[in-house]
Amino acid sequence: MALSGDGGDELFGGYQRYHWMENWKRLKKIPLQFRKALTRLIKRIPRRAFGIAGSIGFKIRWRLDMLSLTEFNGFYRYFLSHNQHAHQLVLGASEPPCSITARHNMMFDDLLSQMTLWDAKMYLPDDILTKTDRASMAHGLELRVPLLDHRVVEFAATLPREYKVNSGIGKQVLRNILYKYVPSELVDRPKMGFGVPVAEWLRGDLREWCHDLLSSQRIKEQAYIDAGEVQRILKGFDQGETMWCHHLWDILMFQAWLEEWKC
């Protein structure tokens, strides 16, 4: 059996996006019309100029539409979504309602509490724990998640904010416990995720496989997704816009599933 630390970030404010997204309060103070005008102005800058700026440039252009949002739930959803306009990709589709897409679905005035609640209800069960369960069961490994014991979850919900995030640093209460047993240089290292080098794969060994599954003829015959939209995304990626790699991976997983089951 093995133990997993899943839940620590969601319960104790560990993700950097929590700190970044609290800028919503400052952003909202800027008049909406000014934000929209700024978005239109920046979008007139040629796309290649953002490419010259590297990944930062792509991220700036990628997040421009957030400036026009009027509610925090939309802001949060936009930041977490791979594709902001999935209905343009899947033929005849529309996004089903959920607790984030519901208007004015805010249970807390404190944005940190609201974000951790949304993550506990959706991100944990639909992403993190799904990944953990599949990976462990694939190898016959029994995995337990002690931080998600209901008593720990209930306790975390009662903690004052400064016990979770203080001076922009999350998981304060967990850090203070670890300082007693672990050298501080091991605790205070930069946060490291478990990202997969999708872009490198799709430009390397998987390039031929990628282009084969995403051929316009194949996609048009299947009639599930818009072939023109797929080619637009693929072209952008091939021209160096790395940010499209996760969109492509989502589409490729669907295409590979169709191929496997001959749907």
Protein backbone atom coordinates (compact mmCIF):
# COMPACT_ATOMS: atom_id res chain seq x y z
CA MET A 1 0.00 0.00 0.00
CA ALA A 2 1.12 3.59 -0.62
CA LEU A 3 0.07 7.02 0.66
CA SER A 4 -0.70 10.01 -1.55
CA GLY A 5 -0.56 13.70 -0.68
CA ASP A 6 -3.48 14.59 -2.95
CA GLY A 7 -5.78 17.17 -1.41
CA GLY A 8 -3.11 19.23 0.31
CA ASP A 9 -3.15 22.02 -2.25
CA GLU A 10 -6.94 22.16 -2.44
CA LEU A 11 -7.49 22.16 1.33
CA PHE A 12 -4.66 24.46 2.35
CA GLY A 13 -4.29 26.92 -0.55
CA GLY A 14 -1.21 25.50 -2.22
CA TYR A 15 -1.77 26.35 -5.87
CA GLN A 16 -0.14 29.49 -7.27
CA ARG A 17 -3.31 30.20 -9.22
CA TYR A 18 -5.13 30.87 -5.96
CA HIS A 19 -2.81 33.76 -5.21
CA TRP A 20 -2.79 35.01 -8.80
CA MET A 21 -6.56 34.91 -9.19
CA GLU A 22 -7.17 37.00 -6.14
CA ASN A 23 -6.14 39.88 -8.41
CA TRP A 24 -9.74 39.64 -9.61
CA LYS A 25 -10.69 42.22 -6.97
CA ARG A 26 -8.20 44.67 -8.46
CA LEU A 27 -9.15 43.83 -12.03
CA LYS A 28 -12.83 44.37 -11.35
CA LYS A 29 -12.12 47.94 -10.23
CA ILE A 30 -11.01 48.78 -13.79
CA PRO A 31 -14.03 49.89 -15.87
CA LEU A 32 -15.26 47.09 -18.13
CA GLN A 33 -15.31 49.25 -21.26
CA PHE A 34 -11.67 50.18 -20.71
CA ARG A 35 -10.75 46.51 -20.31
CA LYS A 36 -12.57 45.60 -23.51
CA ALA A 37 -10.87 48.43 -25.40
CA LEU A 38 -7.48 47.28 -24.14
CA THR A 39 -8.23 43.74 -25.30
CA ARG A 40 -9.13 44.95 -28.81
CA LEU A 41 -5.99 47.07 -28.96
CA ILE A 42 -3.63 44.27 -27.93
CA LYS A 43 -5.28 41.82 -30.34
CA ARG A 44 -4.28 44.11 -33.21
CA ILE A 45 -0.65 43.30 -32.48
CA PRO A 46 0.51 40.61 -34.96
CA ARG A 47 0.51 37.11 -33.51
CA ARG A 48 4.17 36.65 -34.46
CA ALA A 49 5.08 39.44 -32.01
CA PHE A 50 3.80 37.30 -29.16
CA GLY A 51 5.81 34.38 -30.52
CA ILE A 52 8.99 36.44 -30.29
CA ALA A 53 8.23 36.98 -26.59
CA GLY A 54 8.23 33.22 -26.06
CA SER A 55 5.88 31.37 -23.72
CA ILE A 56 5.12 34.56 -21.79
CA GLY A 57 3.94 36.25 -24.98
CA PHE A 58 1.66 33.33 -25.81
CA LYS A 59 0.21 33.36 -22.32
CA ILE A 60 -0.55 37.08 -22.56
CA ARG A 61 -2.46 36.68 -25.80
CA TRP A 62 -4.08 33.48 -24.58
CA ARG A 63 -5.57 35.23 -21.52
CA LEU A 64 -6.72 38.44 -23.16
CA ASP A 65 -10.41 37.57 -23.17
CA MET A 66 -10.37 37.35 -19.38
CA LEU A 67 -10.25 41.13 -19.28
CA SER A 68 -13.83 41.26 -20.57
CA LEU A 69 -15.32 38.99 -17.91
CA THR A 70 -17.72 40.44 -15.38
CA GLU A 71 -18.07 37.67 -12.77
CA PHE A 72 -15.51 35.72 -10.78
CA ASN A 73 -16.92 32.28 -11.58
CA GLY A 74 -16.38 33.02 -15.28
CA PHE A 75 -12.88 34.30 -14.53
CA TYR A 76 -12.03 31.14 -12.62
CA ARG A 77 -13.50 28.83 -15.26
CA TYR A 78 -11.64 30.67 -18.03
CA PHE A 79 -8.33 30.34 -16.25
CA LEU A 80 -8.71 26.59 -15.75
CA SER A 81 -10.13 25.64 -19.16
CA HIS A 82 -8.05 24.29 -22.02
CA ASN A 83 -10.57 25.45 -24.58
CA GLN A 84 -12.71 28.50 -23.91
CA HIS A 85 -14.94 27.86 -26.93
CA ALA A 86 -15.34 24.09 -27.01
CA HIS A 87 -18.73 24.47 -28.74
CA GLN A 88 -16.85 25.71 -31.80
CA LEU A 89 -14.92 22.45 -31.94
CA VAL A 90 -17.58 19.79 -31.31
CA LEU A 91 -20.31 19.85 -33.94
CA GLY A 92 -23.74 20.69 -32.55
CA ALA A 93 -22.50 20.71 -28.94
CA SER A 94 -23.03 23.02 -26.00
CA GLU A 95 -21.39 22.97 -22.60
CA PRO A 96 -23.58 21.44 -19.88
CA PRO A 97 -24.18 23.55 -16.75
CA CYS A 98 -22.05 23.00 -13.66
CA SER A 99 -21.43 24.81 -10.39
CA ILE A 100 -18.87 27.12 -12.04
CA THR A 101 -20.95 28.03 -15.11
CA ALA A 102 -24.00 28.86 -12.98
CA ARG A 103 -24.38 32.62 -12.67
CA HIS A 104 -23.67 34.14 -9.27
CA ASN A 105 -22.80 30.74 -7.80
CA MET A 106 -20.64 32.17 -5.02
CA MET A 107 -21.02 30.70 -1.54
CA PHE A 108 -18.15 32.70 0.01
CA ASP A 109 -17.03 36.30 -0.16
CA ASP A 110 -13.49 35.06 0.46
CA LEU A 111 -12.15 34.07 -2.98
CA LEU A 112 -9.70 31.53 -1.57
CA SER A 113 -12.51 29.65 0.18
CA GLN A 114 -14.61 29.74 -2.97
CA MET A 115 -11.83 28.42 -5.19
CA THR A 116 -10.89 25.61 -2.83
CA LEU A 117 -14.56 24.60 -2.62
CA TRP A 118 -14.89 24.42 -6.42
CA ASP A 119 -11.68 22.40 -6.64
CA ALA A 120 -12.82 19.99 -3.93
CA LYS A 121 -16.12 19.43 -5.74
CA MET A 122 -14.78 19.13 -9.30
CA TYR A 123 -11.02 19.25 -9.84
CA LEU A 124 -10.19 16.65 -7.19
CA PRO A 125 -12.74 13.94 -8.12
CA ASP A 126 -12.79 14.60 -11.87
CA ASP A 127 -9.05 15.02 -12.45
CA ILE A 128 -6.54 14.51 -9.64
CA LEU A 129 -8.12 11.51 -7.91
CA THR A 130 -9.10 9.93 -11.22
CA LYS A 131 -5.46 10.07 -12.34
CA THR A 132 -4.26 8.69 -9.01
CA ASP A 133 -6.74 5.82 -8.98
CA ARG A 134 -6.07 4.77 -12.57
CA ALA A 135 -2.30 4.91 -12.19
CA SER A 136 -2.29 2.90 -8.96
CA MET A 137 -4.85 0.30 -10.02
CA ALA A 138 -3.02 -0.24 -13.31
CA HIS A 139 -0.16 -1.62 -11.22
CA GLY A 140 -2.25 -3.36 -8.55
CA LEU A 141 -1.19 -0.81 -5.95
CA GLU A 142 -3.53 0.07 -3.07
CA LEU A 143 -3.37 3.83 -2.60
CA ARG A 144 -4.80 5.87 0.27
CA VAL A 145 -5.29 9.63 0.53
CA PRO A 146 -5.03 10.54 4.24
CA LEU A 147 -5.41 14.30 3.74
CA LEU A 148 -8.90 13.70 2.40
CA ASP A 149 -10.09 11.97 5.54
CA HIS A 150 -13.34 13.77 6.34
CA ARG A 151 -11.96 14.91 9.70
CA VAL A 152 -8.98 16.61 8.04
CA VAL A 153 -11.25 18.23 5.44
CA GLU A 154 -13.60 19.53 8.13
CA PHE A 155 -10.68 20.82 10.20
CA ALA A 156 -9.14 22.61 7.21
CA ALA A 157 -12.45 24.38 6.57
CA THR A 158 -12.31 25.93 10.06
CA LEU A 159 -8.79 27.34 9.77
CA PRO A 160 -8.31 31.11 9.46
CA ARG A 161 -6.99 32.26 6.12
CA GLU A 162 -3.51 33.10 7.46
CA TYR A 163 -3.05 29.46 8.46
CA LYS A 164 -3.37 28.55 4.81
CA VAL A 165 -1.88 31.46 2.86
CA ASN A 166 0.43 34.04 4.35
CA SER A 167 2.51 36.57 2.39
CA GLY A 168 1.64 34.79 -0.84
CA ILE A 169 2.89 31.40 0.38
CA GLY A 170 0.37 28.58 0.70
CA LYS A 171 -0.04 25.56 3.00
CA GLN A 172 1.34 27.49 5.97
CA VAL A 173 0.03 25.11 8.63
CA LEU A 174 1.52 22.09 6.83
CA ARG A 175 4.83 23.88 6.40
CA ASN A 176 4.99 24.74 10.11
CA ILE A 177 4.51 21.08 10.99
CA LEU A 178 7.18 19.95 8.53
CA TYR A 179 9.72 22.49 9.81
CA LYS A 180 9.84 20.42 13.01
CA TYR A 181 10.95 17.30 11.20
CA VAL A 182 12.40 18.25 7.79
CA PRO A 183 15.14 20.78 6.85
CA SER A 184 13.55 24.03 5.67
CA GLU A 185 15.41 23.92 2.33
CA LEU A 186 13.41 20.81 1.44
CA VAL A 187 10.11 22.41 2.44
CA ASP A 188 10.58 25.81 0.80
CA ARG A 189 11.62 24.66 -2.65
CA PRO A 190 9.75 26.05 -5.69
CA LYS A 191 6.55 24.17 -6.41
CA MET A 192 7.00 21.44 -9.02
CA GLY A 193 4.09 19.95 -10.92
CA PHE A 194 3.77 16.69 -12.80
CA GLY A 195 3.49 18.13 -16.29
CA VAL A 196 3.97 15.88 -19.29
CA PRO A 197 6.13 17.13 -22.24
CA VAL A 198 3.24 16.95 -24.71
CA ALA A 199 4.63 19.62 -27.04
CA GLU A 200 7.95 17.79 -27.37
CA TRP A 201 6.16 14.52 -28.10
CA LEU A 202 3.95 16.03 -30.79
CA ARG A 203 6.93 17.67 -32.48
CA GLY A 204 9.03 14.54 -32.19
CA ASP A 205 8.16 10.85 -32.16
CA LEU A 206 4.39 11.41 -32.22
CA ARG A 207 4.29 13.96 -35.04
CA GLU A 208 3.32 11.51 -37.80
CA TRP A 209 0.72 9.82 -35.57
CA CYS A 210 -0.71 13.23 -34.66
CA HIS A 211 -1.08 14.44 -38.24
CA ASP A 212 -2.56 11.13 -39.34
CA LEU A 213 -5.30 11.14 -36.69
CA LEU A 214 -6.06 14.80 -37.35
CA SER A 215 -6.27 14.64 -41.14
CA SER A 216 -9.17 16.70 -42.50
CA GLN A 217 -10.58 13.80 -44.50
CA ARG A 218 -10.68 11.48 -41.49
CA ILE A 219 -12.34 14.08 -39.27
CA LYS A 220 -14.92 15.07 -41.89
CA GLU A 221 -15.89 11.43 -42.40
CA GLN A 222 -16.34 10.93 -38.66
CA ALA A 223 -18.52 14.07 -38.41
CA TYR A 224 -17.98 14.65 -34.69
CA ILE A 225 -15.70 17.68 -34.63
CA ASP A 226 -15.05 20.63 -36.92
CA ALA A 227 -12.19 19.79 -39.29
CA GLY A 228 -11.48 23.45 -40.03
CA GLU A 229 -11.10 24.30 -36.34
CA VAL A 230 -8.77 21.33 -35.83
CA GLN A 231 -6.59 22.42 -38.75
CA ARG A 232 -6.44 25.96 -37.38
CA ILE A 233 -5.20 24.66 -34.01
CA LEU A 234 -2.75 22.24 -35.64
CA LYS A 235 -1.37 24.96 -37.92
CA GLY A 236 -0.81 27.30 -34.99
CA PHE A 237 1.05 24.58 -33.10
CA ASP A 238 3.20 23.71 -36.13
CA GLN A 239 4.11 27.39 -36.45
CA GLY A 240 5.49 27.42 -32.93
CA GLU A 241 2.47 28.34 -30.80
CA THR A 242 3.17 25.77 -28.10
CA MET A 243 0.08 26.73 -26.08
CA TRP A 244 -2.04 24.66 -28.50
CA CYS A 245 -0.42 21.38 -27.47
CA HIS A 246 -2.98 20.57 -24.78
CA HIS A 247 -5.88 21.33 -27.14
CA LEU A 248 -4.36 18.93 -29.63
CA TRP A 249 -3.84 16.28 -26.98
CA ASP A 250 -7.50 16.47 -25.95
CA ILE A 251 -8.57 16.01 -29.57
CA LEU A 252 -6.03 13.24 -30.15
CA MET A 253 -7.30 11.26 -27.16
CA PHE A 254 -10.81 11.42 -28.60
CA GLN A 255 -9.54 10.45 -32.03
CA ALA A 256 -7.50 7.57 -30.62
CA TRP A 257 -10.58 6.34 -28.74
CA LEU A 258 -12.63 6.44 -31.96
CA GLU A 259 -9.89 4.55 -33.76
CA GLU A 260 -9.69 1.90 -31.02
CA TRP A 261 -13.43 1.24 -30.98
CA LYS A 262 -14.08 2.01 -34.68
CA CYS A 263 -16.95 4.35 -33.80
